């Protein structure tokens, strides 16, 4: 249930203000102030290896995650086939 929404589209900024879009990072470092989350995320992206599990938590936006959560994603499509 933890992911990072790293795009800058207006709806993502509206639904996830104050750097809360770095939700996974917040769970890794809960005492890190919210105003430092974007910088910490940029540092990790630049310095972690490409196969890091953390990098797999980035999402293109909130809508794909909402669709998977609401409609069950690929499992729902497979179940109806």
Protein backbone atom coordinates (compact mmCIF):
# COMPACT_ATOMS: atom_id res chain seq x y z
CA UNK A 1 0.00 0.00 0.00
CA UNK A 2 3.01 2.28 -0.09
CA UNK A 3 4.11 3.95 -3.28
CA UNK A 4 5.56 7.19 -4.56
CA UNK A 5 3.70 9.36 -7.07
CA UNK A 6 6.53 11.10 -8.86
CA UNK A 7 4.78 12.95 -11.68
CA UNK A 8 3.76 16.58 -11.42
CA UNK A 9 0.30 16.51 -12.95
CA UNK A 10 -2.21 18.83 -11.26
CA UNK A 11 -4.46 16.05 -9.91
CA UNK A 12 -1.56 14.28 -8.23
CA UNK A 13 -0.51 17.56 -6.63
CA UNK A 14 -4.11 18.21 -5.58
CA UNK A 15 -4.69 14.78 -4.03
CA UNK A 16 -1.21 14.47 -2.50
CA UNK A 17 -0.09 17.90 -1.27
CA UNK A 18 2.86 18.63 1.01
CA UNK A 19 5.09 15.90 -0.46
CA UNK A 20 2.75 13.17 0.79
CA UNK A 21 3.10 11.73 -2.69
CA UNK A 22 6.36 10.23 -1.38
CA UNK A 23 4.37 7.81 0.78
CA UNK A 24 6.79 4.87 0.53
CA UNK A 25 9.70 7.10 1.49
CA UNK A 26 7.69 8.38 4.46
CA UNK A 27 7.30 4.77 5.65
CA UNK A 28 11.04 4.17 5.33
CA UNK A 29 11.91 7.38 7.20
CA UNK A 30 8.85 8.37 9.27
CA UNK A 31 10.70 11.07 11.22
CA UNK A 32 11.93 12.85 8.07
CA UNK A 33 10.07 16.18 7.77
CA UNK A 34 7.67 16.30 4.82
CA UNK A 35 9.49 19.26 3.27
CA UNK A 36 12.63 17.10 2.91
CA UNK A 37 10.92 14.13 1.22
CA UNK A 38 11.34 15.33 -2.39
CA UNK A 39 15.06 15.94 -1.92
CA UNK A 40 15.57 12.61 -0.16
CA UNK A 41 13.67 10.83 -2.94
CA UNK A 42 15.83 12.51 -5.61
CA UNK A 43 18.97 11.49 -3.72
CA UNK A 44 17.85 7.87 -3.46
CA UNK A 45 16.85 7.69 -7.13
CA UNK A 46 20.27 9.01 -8.12
CA UNK A 47 22.28 6.76 -5.79
CA UNK A 48 20.44 3.46 -5.49
CA UNK A 49 21.13 0.62 -7.93
CA UNK A 50 18.58 0.26 -10.74
CA UNK A 51 17.29 -3.03 -9.31
CA UNK A 52 16.53 -1.52 -5.90
CA UNK A 53 13.06 -2.47 -4.60
CA UNK A 54 12.55 1.16 -3.61
CA UNK A 55 12.69 2.31 -7.23
CA UNK A 56 9.92 -0.15 -8.08
CA UNK A 57 7.57 1.78 -5.79
CA UNK A 58 7.37 4.79 -8.13
CA UNK A 59 3.99 5.10 -9.83
CA UNK A 60 3.18 7.20 -12.90
CA UNK A 61 0.20 8.79 -11.18
CA UNK A 62 -2.61 8.21 -8.72
CA UNK A 63 -5.23 7.00 -11.23
CA UNK A 64 -3.54 3.67 -12.20
CA UNK A 65 -3.16 2.84 -8.51
CA UNK A 66 -6.77 3.85 -7.78
CA UNK A 67 -8.04 1.67 -10.65
CA UNK A 68 -6.09 -1.35 -9.39
CA UNK A 69 -7.37 -0.76 -5.87
CA UNK A 70 -11.00 -0.21 -6.85
CA UNK A 71 -11.37 -2.65 -9.72
CA UNK A 72 -8.83 -5.29 -8.77
CA UNK A 73 -6.44 -4.65 -11.64
CA UNK A 74 -5.23 -7.56 -13.70
CA UNK A 75 -6.75 -10.14 -11.37
CA UNK A 76 -10.25 -8.81 -12.04
CA UNK A 77 -9.69 -8.86 -15.80
CA UNK A 78 -8.41 -12.44 -15.64
CA UNK A 79 -11.33 -13.59 -13.49
CA UNK A 80 -13.88 -12.31 -16.00
CA UNK A 81 -12.16 -13.87 -19.03
